[in-house]
């Protein structure tokens, strides 16, 4: 049986998971060191 894809995490989910400040997550994502994408209309 094929594996289910991992669900996308919000910025807040990532901050809780990595135990860092939300600004840090967005800065790292902007530097393209953390994969991410925007969801339109969310």
N, C-alpha and C. Protein backbone atom coordinates (compact mmCIF):
# COMPACT_ATOMS: atom_id res chain seq x y z
N UNK A 1 0.85 -1.17 0.00
CA UNK A 1 0.00 0.00 0.00
C UNK A 1 0.90 1.24 0.00
N UNK A 2 0.59 2.26 -0.83
CA UNK A 2 1.42 3.47 -0.88
C UNK A 2 1.33 4.26 0.42
N UNK A 3 2.44 4.93 0.74
CA UNK A 3 2.48 5.75 1.94
C UNK A 3 1.71 7.04 1.73
N UNK A 4 1.11 7.56 2.80
CA UNK A 4 0.43 8.86 2.75
C UNK A 4 1.49 9.95 2.84
N UNK A 5 1.32 11.05 2.10
CA UNK A 5 2.28 12.16 2.21
C UNK A 5 2.19 12.81 3.59
N UNK A 6 3.29 13.38 4.03
CA UNK A 6 3.30 14.10 5.30
C UNK A 6 2.45 15.35 5.20
N UNK A 7 1.68 15.66 6.23
CA UNK A 7 0.88 16.89 6.18
C UNK A 7 1.78 18.12 6.27
N UNK A 8 1.32 19.20 5.69
CA UNK A 8 2.06 20.46 5.78
C UNK A 8 1.91 21.02 7.18
N UNK A 9 2.94 21.69 7.66
CA UNK A 9 2.92 22.31 8.98
C UNK A 9 2.82 23.82 8.84
N UNK A 10 2.16 24.44 9.79
CA UNK A 10 2.11 25.90 9.81
C UNK A 10 3.39 26.42 10.45
N UNK A 11 3.59 27.72 10.35
CA UNK A 11 4.75 28.33 11.01
C UNK A 11 4.73 28.08 12.51
N UNK A 12 3.57 28.15 13.09
CA UNK A 12 3.45 27.90 14.54
C UNK A 12 3.73 26.44 14.88
N UNK A 13 3.30 25.52 14.02
CA UNK A 13 3.60 24.10 14.25
C UNK A 13 5.11 23.87 14.25
N UNK A 14 5.79 24.50 13.31
CA UNK A 14 7.25 24.33 13.20
C UNK A 14 7.95 24.93 14.41
N UNK A 15 7.48 26.09 14.86
CA UNK A 15 8.12 26.71 16.04
C UNK A 15 7.97 25.83 17.27
N UNK A 16 6.82 25.21 17.42
CA UNK A 16 6.61 24.32 18.56
C UNK A 16 7.46 23.06 18.42
N UNK A 17 7.54 22.52 17.22
CA UNK A 17 8.30 21.30 16.97
C UNK A 17 9.80 21.52 17.20
N UNK A 18 10.32 22.66 16.71
CA UNK A 18 11.75 22.96 16.82
C UNK A 18 12.09 23.77 18.07
N UNK A 19 11.07 24.25 18.78
CA UNK A 19 11.26 25.04 20.00
C UNK A 19 12.12 26.28 19.75
N UNK A 20 11.74 27.05 18.71
CA UNK A 20 12.40 28.31 18.39
C UNK A 20 11.34 29.38 18.16
N UNK A 21 11.76 30.63 18.08
CA UNK A 21 10.85 31.74 17.87
C UNK A 21 10.29 31.72 16.45
N UNK A 22 9.05 32.18 16.28
CA UNK A 22 8.41 32.19 14.96
C UNK A 22 9.18 33.05 13.96
N UNK A 23 9.75 34.17 14.42
CA UNK A 23 10.54 35.01 13.52
C UNK A 23 11.74 34.26 12.96
N UNK A 24 12.32 33.40 13.77
CA UNK A 24 13.47 32.60 13.33
C UNK A 24 13.06 31.66 12.20
N UNK A 25 11.91 31.04 12.33
CA UNK A 25 11.42 30.12 11.29
C UNK A 25 11.25 30.86 9.97
N UNK A 26 10.60 32.02 10.00
CA UNK A 26 10.37 32.76 8.77
C UNK A 26 11.67 33.29 8.17
N UNK A 27 12.64 33.67 9.01
CA UNK A 27 13.93 34.13 8.51
C UNK A 27 14.67 32.98 7.81
N UNK A 28 14.66 31.82 8.43
CA UNK A 28 15.34 30.66 7.84
C UNK A 28 14.66 30.25 6.53
N UNK A 29 13.34 30.30 6.50
CA UNK A 29 12.60 29.96 5.28
C UNK A 29 12.91 30.96 4.17
N UNK A 30 13.02 32.24 4.52
CA UNK A 30 13.32 33.28 3.54
C UNK A 30 14.71 33.08 2.95
N UNK A 31 15.63 32.56 3.74
CA UNK A 31 16.98 32.28 3.27
C UNK A 31 17.04 30.96 2.49
N UNK A 32 15.90 30.32 2.33
CA UNK A 32 15.75 29.05 1.61
C UNK A 32 16.54 27.91 2.23
N UNK A 33 16.73 27.96 3.55
CA UNK A 33 17.37 26.89 4.27
C UNK A 33 16.34 25.93 4.87
N UNK A 34 15.08 26.34 4.82
CA UNK A 34 13.98 25.54 5.32
C UNK A 34 12.94 25.49 4.21
N UNK A 35 12.59 24.31 3.73
CA UNK A 35 11.62 24.24 2.64
C UNK A 35 10.26 24.73 3.10
N UNK A 36 9.55 25.40 2.22
CA UNK A 36 8.23 25.88 2.56
C UNK A 36 7.52 26.44 1.35
N UNK A 37 6.24 26.69 1.52
CA UNK A 37 5.43 27.26 0.46
C UNK A 37 4.26 28.00 1.07
N UNK A 38 3.70 28.93 0.32
CA UNK A 38 2.53 29.67 0.76
C UNK A 38 1.29 28.99 0.23
N UNK A 39 0.25 29.00 1.02
CA UNK A 39 -1.04 28.47 0.60
C UNK A 39 -1.95 29.67 0.36
N UNK A 40 -2.42 29.81 -0.87
CA UNK A 40 -3.27 30.95 -1.22
C UNK A 40 -4.60 30.90 -0.48
N UNK A 41 -5.01 32.05 0.03
CA UNK A 41 -6.29 32.15 0.68
C UNK A 41 -6.33 31.63 2.10
N UNK A 42 -5.16 31.32 2.64
CA UNK A 42 -5.15 30.80 4.02
C UNK A 42 -4.74 31.85 5.00
